[in-house]
Amino acid sequence: MGYSLKLYRGTTLIYNINTLLNPVADVQSLKSFTCVDTPAAGSYTYYAKITSSSSNPHYVSMRGISLLETKK
């Protein structure tokens, strides 16, 4: 039993963690990661999809994505 996290730019999968730490009931834990993406010029929508391999319901709260754009 565990979680997987996928990060998408539009419909393109750009980051995938197949196994995060196993969930423990009533325990909150912080998960973070770094992903570098270098898309072509334009406007993009990013989103994260978190799934559980368990049939029991799990909830994710206080989630967010921080982005930093840099230029040469």
Protein backbone atom coordinates (compact mmCIF):
# COMPACT_ATOMS: atom_id res chain seq x y z
CA MET A 1 0.00 0.00 0.00
CA GLY A 2 1.41 3.38 -0.96
CA TYR A 3 0.91 6.50 -2.97
CA SER A 4 2.01 7.56 -6.40
CA LEU A 5 2.40 11.13 -7.59
CA LYS A 6 2.43 12.27 -11.19
CA LEU A 7 3.11 15.82 -12.34
CA TYR A 8 1.77 16.93 -15.72
CA ARG A 9 2.36 19.89 -18.00
CA GLY A 10 -0.91 19.89 -19.88
CA THR A 11 -1.34 16.26 -20.91
CA THR A 12 2.40 15.50 -20.84
CA LEU A 13 3.69 13.49 -17.87
CA ILE A 14 6.89 15.19 -16.67
CA TYR A 15 7.49 13.63 -13.23
CA ASN A 16 6.44 10.31 -11.70
CA ILE A 17 7.06 8.83 -8.26
CA ASN A 18 5.56 5.36 -8.20
CA THR A 19 6.04 4.66 -4.52
CA LEU A 20 5.84 7.26 -1.79
CA LEU A 21 5.99 6.33 1.87
CA ASN A 22 3.18 4.09 3.02
CA PRO A 23 0.34 5.99 4.65
CA VAL A 24 -0.28 5.57 8.37
CA ALA A 25 -3.74 6.29 9.78
CA ASP A 26 -4.20 9.75 11.29
CA VAL A 27 -0.60 10.81 10.61
CA GLN A 28 0.13 13.94 8.64
CA SER A 29 3.38 14.11 6.76
CA LEU A 30 4.94 16.61 4.41
CA LYS A 31 6.07 15.42 1.00
CA SER A 32 8.11 17.60 -1.30
CA PHE A 33 10.12 17.18 -4.47
CA THR A 34 11.94 19.20 -7.09
CA CYS A 35 11.33 18.91 -10.80
CA VAL A 36 13.09 20.87 -13.53
CA ASP A 37 11.10 21.46 -16.70
CA THR A 38 12.26 23.36 -19.80
CA PRO A 39 9.26 23.70 -22.11
CA ALA A 40 9.21 25.74 -25.30
CA ALA A 41 7.96 29.32 -25.09
CA GLY A 42 4.26 29.68 -24.35
CA SER A 43 1.69 29.32 -21.61
CA TYR A 44 1.22 26.02 -19.77
CA THR A 45 -1.00 24.49 -17.12
CA TYR A 46 0.62 22.20 -14.55
CA TYR A 47 -1.22 19.78 -12.31
CA ALA A 48 -0.44 16.96 -9.91
CA LYS A 49 -2.30 13.66 -9.63
CA ILE A 50 -1.92 11.63 -6.42
CA THR A 51 -3.30 8.12 -6.25
CA SER A 52 -3.35 5.40 -3.62
CA SER A 53 -2.86 1.70 -4.23
CA SER A 54 -5.26 1.00 -1.35
CA SER A 55 -9.01 0.63 -1.73
CA ASN A 56 -9.44 2.62 1.49
CA PRO A 57 -10.14 6.34 1.03
CA HIS A 58 -7.25 8.73 1.64
CA TYR A 59 -7.39 12.49 1.57
CA VAL A 60 -4.84 15.09 0.59
CA SER A 61 -5.06 18.60 1.95
CA MET A 62 -3.02 21.79 1.94
CA ARG A 63 -1.43 20.92 -1.38
CA GLY A 64 0.25 23.38 -3.70
CA ILE A 65 2.66 23.85 -6.53
CA SER A 66 5.32 26.55 -6.53
CA LEU A 67 6.88 27.52 -9.84
CA LEU A 68 9.92 29.62 -10.59
CA GLU A 69 10.56 31.01 -14.06
CA THR A 70 14.08 32.04 -14.95
CA LYS A 71 15.46 33.67 -18.05
CA LYS A 72 18.96 33.61 -19.54
